[in-house]
């Protein structure tokens, strides 16, 4: 059984590459010529030309595990004394914040 790749098989075009693809398209070059120039696929070129934004969308990551209230509670506890500021992450997780 093969493992899933740890990195995506493709790369996203940067803002500058998108601008360059649009400029080359306006100059009358074909999508395959632009793809060869930018070292990307024809599909990436078509997408860069047709989308309404030049700046790429921010990629969504994993949602935070702690809520804002939990983060504030943790910060307040750590700041409460010198002893709590020196606690390790493990001590915090196994001690006052087991919940």
PDB file of N, CA and C in Angstrom:
ATOM      1  N   UNK A   1       0.849  -1.183   0.000  1.00  0.00           N
ATOM      2  CA  UNK A   1       0.000   0.000   0.000  1.00  0.00           C
ATOM      3  C   UNK A   1       0.893   1.243   0.000  1.00  0.00           C
ATOM      4  N   UNK A   2       0.610   2.174  -0.873  1.00  0.00           N
ATOM      5  CA  UNK A   2       1.431   3.380  -0.944  1.00  0.00           C
ATOM      6  C   UNK A   2       0.901   4.440   0.013  1.00  0.00           C
ATOM      7  N   UNK A   3       1.831   5.226   0.519  1.00  0.00           N
ATOM      8  CA  UNK A   3       1.478   6.300   1.447  1.00  0.00           C
ATOM      9  C   UNK A   3       1.032   7.528   0.684  1.00  0.00           C
ATOM     10  N   UNK A   4       0.164   8.320   1.305  1.00  0.00           N
ATOM     11  CA  UNK A   4      -0.262   9.579   0.703  1.00  0.00           C
ATOM     12  C   UNK A   4       0.908  10.556   0.731  1.00  0.00           C
ATOM     13  N   UNK A   5       1.073  11.362  -0.309  1.00  0.00           N
ATOM     14  CA  UNK A   5       2.179  12.328  -0.300  1.00  0.00           C
ATOM     15  C   UNK A   5       1.976  13.378   0.783  1.00  0.00           C
ATOM     16  N   UNK A   6       3.081  13.808   1.373  1.00  0.00           N
ATOM     17  CA  UNK A   6       2.999  14.794   2.447  1.00  0.00           C
ATOM     18  C   UNK A   6       2.833  16.210   1.918  1.00  0.00           C
ATOM     19  N   UNK A   7       3.164  16.413   0.666  1.00  0.00           N
ATOM     20  CA  UNK A   7       2.999  17.736   0.066  1.00  0.00           C
ATOM     21  C   UNK A   7       2.058  17.614  -1.123  1.00  0.00           C
ATOM     22  N   UNK A   8       1.372  18.690  -1.472  1.00  0.00           N
ATOM     23  CA  UNK A   8       0.486  18.607  -2.628  1.00  0.00           C
ATOM     24  C   UNK A   8       1.264  18.330  -3.912  1.00  0.00           C
ATOM     25  N   UNK A   9       0.589  17.744  -4.886  1.00  0.00           N
ATOM     26  CA  UNK A   9       1.250  17.415  -6.145  1.00  0.00           C
ATOM     27  C   UNK A   9       1.459  18.644  -7.011  1.00  0.00           C
ATOM     28  N   UNK A  10       0.787  19.715  -6.694  1.00  0.00           N
ATOM     29  CA  UNK A  10       0.915  20.935  -7.480  1.00  0.00           C
ATOM     30  C   UNK A  10       1.270  22.097  -6.558  1.00  0.00           C
ATOM     31  N   UNK A  11       1.695  23.159  -7.160  1.00  0.00           N
ATOM     32  CA  UNK A  11       1.953  24.365  -6.383  1.00  0.00           C
ATOM     33  C   UNK A  11       0.948  25.418  -6.830  1.00  0.00           C
ATOM     34  N   UNK A  12       0.688  26.348  -5.968  1.00  0.00           N
ATOM     35  CA  UNK A  12      -0.227  27.426  -6.298  1.00  0.00           C
ATOM     36  C   UNK A  12       0.546  28.557  -6.956  1.00  0.00           C
ATOM     37  N   UNK A  13      -0.085  29.220  -7.918  1.00  0.00           N
ATOM     38  CA  UNK A  13       0.560  30.358  -8.560  1.00  0.00           C
ATOM     39  C   UNK A  13       0.599  31.529  -7.591  1.00  0.00           C
ATOM     40  N   UNK A  14       1.696  32.235  -7.590  1.00  0.00           N
ATOM     41  CA  UNK A  14       1.816  33.413  -6.741  1.00  0.00           C
ATOM     42  C   UNK A  14       1.081  34.577  -7.386  1.00  0.00           C
ATOM     43  N   UNK A  15       0.978  35.661  -6.651  1.00  0.00           N
ATOM     44  CA  UNK A  15       0.338  36.868  -7.165  1.00  0.00           C
ATOM     45  C   UNK A  15       1.074  37.369  -8.404  1.00  0.00           C
ATOM     46  N   UNK A  16       2.398  37.397  -8.348  1.00  0.00           N
ATOM     47  CA  UNK A  16       3.191  37.879  -9.479  1.00  0.00           C
ATOM     48  C   UNK A  16       3.039  36.981 -10.703  1.00  0.00           C
ATOM     49  N   UNK A  17       2.972  35.670 -10.492  1.00  0.00           N
ATOM     50  CA  UNK A  17       2.785  34.757 -11.616  1.00  0.00           C
ATOM     51  C   UNK A  17       1.404  34.941 -12.245  1.00  0.00           C
ATOM     52  N   UNK A  18       0.404  35.191 -11.419  1.00  0.00           N
ATOM     53  CA  UNK A  18      -0.939  35.437 -11.935  1.00  0.00           C
ATOM     54  C   UNK A  18      -0.967  36.707 -12.778  1.00  0.00           C
ATOM     55  N   UNK A  19      -0.322  37.761 -12.291  1.00  0.00           N
ATOM     56  CA  UNK A  19      -0.259  39.016 -13.039  1.00  0.00           C
ATOM     57  C   UNK A  19       0.472  38.797 -14.363  1.00  0.00           C
ATOM     58  N   UNK A  20       1.559  38.033 -14.327  1.00  0.00           N
ATOM     59  CA  UNK A  20       2.319  37.764 -15.549  1.00  0.00           C
ATOM     60  C   UNK A  20       1.489  36.944 -16.535  1.00  0.00           C
ATOM     61  N   UNK A  21       0.748  35.963 -16.025  1.00  0.00           N
ATOM     62  CA  UNK A  21      -0.105  35.142 -16.897  1.00  0.00           C
ATOM     63  C   UNK A  21      -1.164  36.004 -17.563  1.00  0.00           C
ATOM     64  N   UNK A  22      -1.762  36.914 -16.834  1.00  0.00           N
ATOM     65  CA  UNK A  22      -2.775  37.800 -17.402  1.00  0.00           C
ATOM     66  C   UNK A  22      -2.179  38.735 -18.452  1.00  0.00           C
ATOM     67  N   UNK A  23      -0.986  39.245 -18.172  1.00  0.00           N
ATOM     68  CA  UNK A  23      -0.336  40.148 -19.124  1.00  0.00           C
ATOM     69  C   UNK A  23       0.020  39.414 -20.414  1.00  0.00           C
ATOM     70  N   UNK A  24       0.539  38.205 -20.288  1.00  0.00           N
ATOM     71  CA  UNK A  24       0.880  37.427 -21.477  1.00  0.00           C
ATOM     72  C   UNK A  24      -0.381  37.070 -22.266  1.00  0.00           C
ATOM     73  N   UNK A  25      -1.468  36.791 -21.570  1.00  0.00           N
ATOM     74  CA  UNK A  25      -2.728  36.472 -22.242  1.00  0.00           C
ATOM     75  C   UNK A  25      -3.245  37.690 -23.016  1.00  0.00           C
ATOM     76  N   UNK A  26      -3.177  38.867 -22.378  1.00  0.00           N
ATOM     77  CA  UNK A  26      -3.611  40.100 -23.048  1.00  0.00           C
ATOM     78  C   UNK A  26      -2.734  40.421 -24.253  1.00  0.00           C
ATOM     79  N   UNK A  27      -1.467  39.984 -24.204  1.00  0.00           N
ATOM     80  CA  UNK A  27      -0.552  40.213 -25.324  1.00  0.00           C
ATOM     81  C   UNK A  27      -0.806  39.233 -26.469  1.00  0.00           C
ATOM     82  N   UNK A  28      -1.724  38.281 -26.261  1.00  0.00           N
ATOM     83  CA  UNK A  28      -2.106  37.387 -27.336  1.00  0.00           C
ATOM     84  C   UNK A  28      -1.437  36.024 -27.332  1.00  0.00           C
ATOM     85  N   UNK A  29      -0.709  35.682 -26.272  1.00  0.00           N
ATOM     86  CA  UNK A  29      -0.044  34.382 -26.211  1.00  0.00           C
ATOM     87  C   UNK A  29      -1.037  33.290 -25.828  1.00  0.00           C
ATOM     88  N   UNK A  30      -0.748  32.066 -26.260  1.00  0.00           N
ATOM     89  CA  UNK A  30      -1.629  30.929 -25.963  1.00  0.00           C
ATOM     90  C   UNK A  30      -1.412  30.465 -24.518  1.00  0.00           C
ATOM     91  N   UNK A  31      -2.400  29.725 -24.031  1.00  0.00           N
ATOM     92  CA  UNK A  31      -2.307  29.210 -22.658  1.00  0.00           C
ATOM     93  C   UNK A  31      -1.138  28.241 -22.509  1.00  0.00           C
ATOM     94  N   UNK A  32      -0.877  27.432 -23.518  1.00  0.00           N
ATOM     95  CA  UNK A  32       0.241  26.486 -23.414  1.00  0.00           C
ATOM     96  C   UNK A  32       1.585  27.221 -23.393  1.00  0.00           C
ATOM     97  N   UNK A  33       1.707  28.305 -24.156  1.00  0.00           N
ATOM     98  CA  UNK A  33       2.936  29.108 -24.123  1.00  0.00           C
ATOM     99  C   UNK A  33       3.133  29.712 -22.731  1.00  0.00           C
ATOM    100  N   UNK A  34       2.052  30.254 -22.168  1.00  0.00           N
ATOM    101  CA  UNK A  34       2.124  30.863 -20.833  1.00  0.00           C
ATOM    102  C   UNK A  34       2.488  29.808 -19.795  1.00  0.00           C
ATOM    103  N   UNK A  35       1.881  28.622 -19.911  1.00  0.00           N
ATOM    104  CA  UNK A  35       2.171  27.543 -18.963  1.00  0.00           C
ATOM    105  C   UNK A  35       3.638  27.131 -19.025  1.00  0.00           C
ATOM    106  N   UNK A  36       4.193  27.083 -20.227  1.00  0.00           N
ATOM    107  CA  UNK A  36       5.619  26.748 -20.355  1.00  0.00           C
ATOM    108  C   UNK A  36       6.499  27.833 -19.762  1.00  0.00           C
ATOM    109  N   UNK A  37       6.123  29.095 -19.949  1.00  0.00           N
ATOM    110  CA  UNK A  37       6.902  30.208 -19.400  1.00  0.00           C
ATOM    111  C   UNK A  37       6.893  30.207 -17.873  1.00  0.00           C
ATOM    112  N   UNK A  38       5.726  29.903 -17.291  1.00  0.00           N
ATOM    113  CA  UNK A  38       5.577  29.958 -15.829  1.00  0.00           C
ATOM    114  C   UNK A  38       5.840  28.622 -15.144  1.00  0.00           C
ATOM    115  N   UNK A  39       6.103  27.580 -15.951  1.00  0.00           N
ATOM    116  CA  UNK A  39       6.338  26.242 -15.425  1.00  0.00           C
ATOM    117  C   UNK A  39       5.144  25.774 -14.582  1.00  0.00           C
ATOM    118  N   UNK A  40       3.969  25.825 -15.192  1.00  0.00           N
ATOM    119  CA  UNK A  40       2.746  25.384 -14.533  1.00  0.00           C
ATOM    120  C   UNK A  40       1.868  24.689 -15.569  1.00  0.00           C
ATOM    121  N   UNK A  41       0.652  24.316 -15.173  1.00  0.00           N
ATOM    122  CA  UNK A  41      -0.236  23.605 -16.091  1.00  0.00           C
ATOM    123  C   UNK A  41      -1.140  24.583 -16.842  1.00  0.00           C
ATOM    124  N   UNK A  42      -1.719  24.075 -17.938  1.00  0.00           N
ATOM    125  CA  UNK A  42      -2.677  24.886 -18.700  1.00  0.00           C
ATOM    126  C   UNK A  42      -3.875  25.252 -17.835  1.00  0.00           C
ATOM    127  N   UNK A  43      -4.302  24.322 -17.012  1.00  0.00           N
ATOM    128  CA  UNK A  43      -5.459  24.576 -16.146  1.00  0.00           C
ATOM    129  C   UNK A  43      -5.171  25.712 -15.162  1.00  0.00           C
ATOM    130  N   UNK A  44      -3.977  25.761 -14.609  1.00  0.00           N
ATOM    131  CA  UNK A  44      -3.611  26.847 -13.703  1.00  0.00           C
ATOM    132  C   UNK A  44      -3.629  28.182 -14.432  1.00  0.00           C
ATOM    133  N   UNK A  45      -3.204  28.185 -15.675  1.00  0.00           N
ATOM    134  CA  UNK A  45      -3.213  29.417 -16.478  1.00  0.00           C
ATOM    135  C   UNK A  45      -4.649  29.860 -16.719  1.00  0.00           C
ATOM    136  N   UNK A  46      -5.512  28.924 -17.123  1.00  0.00           N
ATOM    137  CA  UNK A  46      -6.919  29.276 -17.363  1.00  0.00           C
ATOM    138  C   UNK A  46      -7.563  29.838 -16.108  1.00  0.00           C
ATOM    139  N   UNK A  47      -7.280  29.223 -14.977  1.00  0.00           N
ATOM    140  CA  UNK A  47      -7.847  29.699 -13.709  1.00  0.00           C
ATOM    141  C   UNK A  47      -7.334  31.094 -13.376  1.00  0.00           C
ATOM    142  N   UNK A  48      -6.040  31.333 -13.557  1.00  0.00           N
ATOM    143  CA  UNK A  48      -5.450  32.644 -13.249  1.00  0.00           C
ATOM    144  C   UNK A  48      -6.047  33.736 -14.127  1.00  0.00           C
ATOM    145  N   UNK A  49      -6.348  33.396 -15.385  1.00  0.00           N
ATOM    146  CA  UNK A  49      -6.884  34.384 -16.320  1.00  0.00           C
ATOM    147  C   UNK A  49      -8.349  34.696 -16.027  1.00  0.00           C
ATOM    148  N   UNK A  50      -9.120  33.688 -15.657  1.00  0.00           N
ATOM    149  CA  UNK A  50     -10.562  33.881 -15.506  1.00  0.00           C
ATOM    150  C   UNK A  50     -11.014  34.327 -14.124  1.00  0.00           C
ATOM    151  N   UNK A  51     -10.242  34.082 -13.097  1.00  0.00           N
ATOM    152  CA  UNK A  51     -10.723  34.478 -11.765  1.00  0.00           C
ATOM    153  C   UNK A  51     -10.667  35.992 -11.601  1.00  0.00           C
ATOM    154  N   UNK A  52     -11.511  36.492 -10.708  1.00  0.00           N
ATOM    155  CA  UNK A  52     -11.639  37.943 -10.579  1.00  0.00           C
ATOM    156  C   UNK A  52     -10.631  38.556  -9.619  1.00  0.00           C
ATOM    157  N   UNK A  53      -9.912  37.749  -8.845  1.00  0.00           N
ATOM    158  CA  UNK A  53      -8.928  38.277  -7.907  1.00  0.00           C
ATOM    159  C   UNK A  53      -7.522  37.915  -8.352  1.00  0.00           C
ATOM    160  N   UNK A  54      -6.592  38.826  -8.137  1.00  0.00           N
ATOM    161  CA  UNK A  54      -5.196  38.535  -8.461  1.00  0.00           C
ATOM    162  C   UNK A  54      -4.521  37.898  -7.257  1.00  0.00           C
ATOM    163  N   UNK A  55      -4.825  38.395  -6.073  1.00  0.00           N
ATOM    164  CA  UNK A  55      -4.227  37.872  -4.851  1.00  0.00           C
ATOM    165  C   UNK A  55      -4.837  36.519  -4.524  1.00  0.00           C
ATOM    166  N   UNK A  56      -4.016  35.489  -4.264  1.00  0.00           N
ATOM    167  CA  UNK A  56      -4.566  34.174  -3.947  1.00  0.00           C
ATOM    168  C   UNK A  56      -5.332  34.188  -2.630  1.00  0.00           C
ATOM    169  N   UNK A  57      -6.311  33.294  -2.515  1.00  0.00           N
ATOM    170  CA  UNK A  57      -7.081  33.182  -1.286  1.00  0.00           C
ATOM    171  C   UNK A  57      -6.195  32.629  -0.178  1.00  0.00           C
ATOM    172  N   UNK A  58      -6.456  33.070   1.029  1.00  0.00           N
ATOM    173  CA  UNK A  58      -5.730  32.542   2.170  1.00  0.00           C
ATOM    174  C   UNK A  58      -6.164  31.102   2.371  1.00  0.00           C
ATOM    175  N   UNK A  59      -5.214  30.221   2.539  1.00  0.00           N
ATOM    176  CA  UNK A  59      -5.513  28.812   2.736  1.00  0.00           C
ATOM    177  C   UNK A  59      -6.005  28.576   4.160  1.00  0.00           C
ATOM    178  N   UNK A  60      -7.066  27.836   4.285  1.00  0.00           N
ATOM    179  CA  UNK A  60      -7.618  27.530   5.606  1.00  0.00           C
ATOM    180  C   UNK A  60      -6.807  26.405   6.233  1.00  0.00           C
ATOM    181  N   UNK A  61      -6.478  26.561   7.486  1.00  0.00           N
ATOM    182  CA  UNK A  61      -5.761  25.523   8.214  1.00  0.00           C
ATOM    183  C   UNK A  61      -6.707  24.784   9.134  1.00  0.00           C
ATOM    184  N   UNK A  62      -6.154  24.058  10.053  1.00  0.00           N
ATOM    185  CA  UNK A  62      -6.977  23.363  11.038  1.00  0.00           C
ATOM    186  C   UNK A  62      -7.606  24.373  11.984  1.00  0.00           C
ATOM    187  N   UNK A  63      -8.817  24.111  12.452  1.00  0.00           N
ATOM    188  CA  UNK A  63      -9.422  25.028  13.417  1.00  0.00           C
ATOM    189  C   UNK A  63      -8.695  24.941  14.758  1.00  0.00           C
ATOM    190  N   UNK A  64      -8.691  26.019  15.526  1.00  0.00           N
ATOM    191  CA  UNK A  64      -8.006  25.981  16.818  1.00  0.00           C
ATOM    192  C   UNK A  64      -8.671  24.986  17.756  1.00  0.00           C
ATOM    193  N   UNK A  65      -7.876  24.348  18.599  1.00  0.00           N
ATOM    194  CA  UNK A  65      -8.411  23.367  19.536  1.00  0.00           C
ATOM    195  C   UNK A  65      -8.993  24.029  20.780  1.00  0.00           C
ATOM    196  N   UNK A  66      -8.500  25.208  21.096  1.00  0.00           N
ATOM    197  CA  UNK A  66      -9.002  25.921  22.270  1.00  0.00           C
ATOM    198  C   UNK A  66      -9.857  27.099  21.828  1.00  0.00           C
ATOM    199  N   UNK A  67     -10.907  27.358  22.590  1.00  0.00           N
ATOM    200  CA  UNK A  67     -11.728  28.534  22.310  1.00  0.00           C
ATOM    201  C   UNK A  67     -11.008  29.773  22.829  1.00  0.00           C
ATOM    202  N   UNK A  68     -11.492  30.943  22.446  1.00  0.00           N
ATOM    203  CA  UNK A  68     -10.889  32.190  22.919  1.00  0.00           C
ATOM    204  C   UNK A  68     -10.970  32.291  24.434  1.00  0.00           C
ATOM    205  N   UNK A  69     -12.085  31.857  25.008  1.00  0.00           N
ATOM    206  CA  UNK A  69     -12.250  31.908  26.467  1.00  0.00           C
ATOM    207  C   UNK A  69     -11.228  31.005  27.155  1.00  0.00           C
ATOM    208  N   UNK A  70     -10.976  29.819  26.594  1.00  0.00           N
ATOM    209  CA  UNK A  70      -9.995  28.908  27.174  1.00  0.00           C
ATOM    210  C   UNK A  70      -8.587  29.475  27.069  1.00  0.00           C
ATOM    211  N   UNK A  71      -8.274  30.111  25.960  1.00  0.00           N
ATOM    212  CA  UNK A  71      -6.955  30.722  25.790  1.00  0.00           C
ATOM    213  C   UNK A  71      -6.765  31.844  26.799  1.00  0.00           C
ATOM    214  N   UNK A  72      -7.789  32.673  26.981  1.00  0.00           N
ATOM    215  CA  UNK A  72      -7.702  33.771  27.958  1.00  0.00           C
ATOM    216  C   UNK A  72      -7.549  33.240  29.374  1.00  0.00           C
ATOM    217  N   UNK A  73      -8.259  32.164  29.702  1.00  0.00           N
ATOM    218  CA  UNK A  73      -8.143  31.556  31.031  1.00  0.00           C
ATOM    219  C   UNK A  73      -6.733  31.018  31.248  1.00  0.00           C
ATOM    220  N   UNK A  74      -6.180  30.369  30.253  1.00  0.00           N
ATOM    221  CA  UNK A  74      -4.827  29.823  30.339  1.00  0.00           C
ATOM    222  C   UNK A  74      -3.797  30.934  30.505  1.00  0.00           C
ATOM    223  N   UNK A  75      -3.939  32.009  29.724  1.00  0.00           N
ATOM    224  CA  UNK A  75      -3.013  33.147  29.840  1.00  0.00           C
ATOM    225  C   UNK A  75      -3.082  33.774  31.222  1.00  0.00           C
ATOM    226  N   UNK A  76      -4.291  33.963  31.737  1.00  0.00           N
ATOM    227  CA  UNK A  76      -4.461  34.561  33.065  1.00  0.00           C
ATOM    228  C   UNK A  76      -3.810  33.687  34.131  1.00  0.00           C
ATOM    229  N   UNK A  77      -3.973  32.373  34.016  1.00  0.00           N
ATOM    230  CA  UNK A  77      -3.378  31.467  34.999  1.00  0.00           C
ATOM    231  C   UNK A  77      -1.860  31.526  34.940  1.00  0.00           C
ATOM    232  N   UNK A  78      -1.294  31.509  33.744  1.00  0.00           N
ATOM    233  CA  UNK A  78       0.159  31.521  33.600  1.00  0.00           C
ATOM    234  C   UNK A  78       0.742  32.826  34.127  1.00  0.00           C
ATOM    235  N   UNK A  79       0.053  33.919  33.896  1.00  0.00           N
ATOM    236  CA  UNK A  79       0.548  35.225  34.344  1.00  0.00           C
ATOM    237  C   UNK A  79       0.333  35.477  35.834  1.00  0.00           C
ATOM    238  N   UNK A  80      -0.377  34.594  36.517  1.00  0.00           N
ATOM    239  CA  UNK A  80      -0.759  34.853  37.914  1.00  0.00           C
ATOM    240  C   UNK A  80       0.414  34.800  38.889  1.00  0.00           C
ATOM    241  N   UNK A  81       1.434  34.012  38.623  1.00  0.00           N
ATOM    242  CA  UNK A  81       2.573  33.960  39.551  1.00  0.00           C
ATOM    243  C   UNK A  81       3.837  33.521  38.823  1.00  0.00           C
ATOM    244  N   UNK A  82       4.953  33.699  39.502  1.00  0.00           N
ATOM    245  CA  UNK A  82       6.235  33.316  38.930  1.00  0.00           C
ATOM    246  C   UNK A  82       6.304  31.798  38.738  1.00  0.00           C
ATOM    247  N   UNK A  83       5.740  31.064  39.686  1.00  0.00           N
ATOM    248  CA  UNK A  83       5.773  29.602  39.635  1.00  0.00           C
ATOM    249  C   UNK A  83       4.991  29.063  38.421  1.00  0.00           C
ATOM    250  N   UNK A  84       3.858  29.653  38.149  1.00  0.00           N
ATOM    251  CA  UNK A  84       3.055  29.172  37.018  1.00  0.00           C
ATOM    252  C   UNK A  84       3.688  29.548  35.680  1.00  0.00           C
ATOM    253  N   UNK A  85       4.446  30.632  35.645  1.00  0.00           N
ATOM    254  CA  UNK A  85       5.116  31.018  34.399  1.00  0.00           C
ATOM    255  C   UNK A  85       6.212  30.030  34.020  1.00  0.00           C
ATOM    256  N   UNK A  86       6.719  29.284  35.001  1.00  0.00           N
ATOM    257  CA  UNK A  86       7.804  28.348  34.740  1.00  0.00           C
ATOM    258  C   UNK A  86       7.321  26.908  34.548  1.00  0.00           C
ATOM    259  N   UNK A  87       6.016  26.699  34.524  1.00  0.00           N
ATOM    260  CA  UNK A  87       5.470  25.350  34.329  1.00  0.00           C
ATOM    261  C   UNK A  87       5.641  24.930  32.860  1.00  0.00           C
ATOM    262  N   UNK A  88       5.873  23.637  32.658  1.00  0.00           N
ATOM    263  CA  UNK A  88       5.975  23.118  31.291  1.00  0.00           C
ATOM    264  C   UNK A  88       4.568  22.899  30.732  1.00  0.00           C
ATOM    265  N   UNK A  89       4.512  22.666  29.442  1.00  0.00           N
ATOM    266  CA  UNK A  89       3.224  22.396  28.810  1.00  0.00           C
ATOM    267  C   UNK A  89       2.591  21.139  29.399  1.00  0.00           C
ATOM    268  N   UNK A  90       3.402  20.141  29.647  1.00  0.00           N
ATOM    269  CA  UNK A  90       2.894  18.891  30.218  1.00  0.00           C
ATOM    270  C   UNK A  90       2.324  19.118  31.611  1.00  0.00           C
ATOM    271  N   UNK A  91       3.019  19.894  32.417  1.00  0.00           N
ATOM    272  CA  UNK A  91       2.511  20.182  33.769  1.00  0.00           C
ATOM    273  C   UNK A  91       1.190  20.933  33.704  1.00  0.00           C
ATOM    274  N   UNK A  92       1.058  21.858  32.769  1.00  0.00           N
ATOM    275  CA  UNK A  92      -0.204  22.576  32.613  1.00  0.00           C
ATOM    276  C   UNK A  92      -1.322  21.645  32.167  1.00  0.00           C
ATOM    277  N   UNK A  93      -1.013  20.735  31.241  1.00  0.00           N
ATOM    278  CA  UNK A  93      -2.042  19.831  30.709  1.00  0.00           C
ATOM    279  C   UNK A  93      -2.474  18.789  31.751  1.00  0.00           C
ATOM    280  N   UNK A  94      -1.537  18.324  32.571  1.00  0.00           N
ATOM    281  CA  UNK A  94      -1.873  17.296  33.547  1.00  0.00           C
ATOM    282  C   UNK A  94      -2.327  17.871  34.880  1.00  0.00           C
ATOM    283  N   UNK A  95      -2.095  19.148  35.103  1.00  0.00           N
ATOM    284  CA  UNK A  95      -2.441  19.756  36.373  1.00  0.00           C
ATOM    285  C   UNK A  95      -3.765  20.506  36.317  1.00  0.00           C
ATOM    286  N   UNK A  96      -3.688  21.802  36.363  1.00  0.00           N
ATOM    287  CA  UNK A  96      -4.916  22.596  36.504  1.00  0.00           C
ATOM    288  C   UNK A  96      -5.811  22.596  35.262  1.00  0.00           C
ATOM    289  N   UNK A  97      -5.325  22.160  34.126  1.00  0.00           N
ATOM    290  CA  UNK A  97      -6.129  22.220  32.897  1.00  0.00           C
ATOM    291  C   UNK A  97      -6.373  20.852  32.293  1.00  0.00           C
ATOM    292  N   UNK A  98      -6.637  19.863  33.139  1.00  0.00           N
ATOM    293  CA  UNK A  98      -6.916  18.513  32.642  1.00  0.00           C
ATOM    294  C   UNK A  98      -8.211  18.490  31.827  1.00  0.00           C
ATOM    295  N   UNK A  99      -9.120  19.365  32.178  1.00  0.00           N
ATOM    296  CA  UNK A  99     -10.419  19.381  31.480  1.00  0.00           C
ATOM    297  C   UNK A  99     -10.228  19.890  30.092  1.00  0.00           C
TER     298      UNK A  99
END
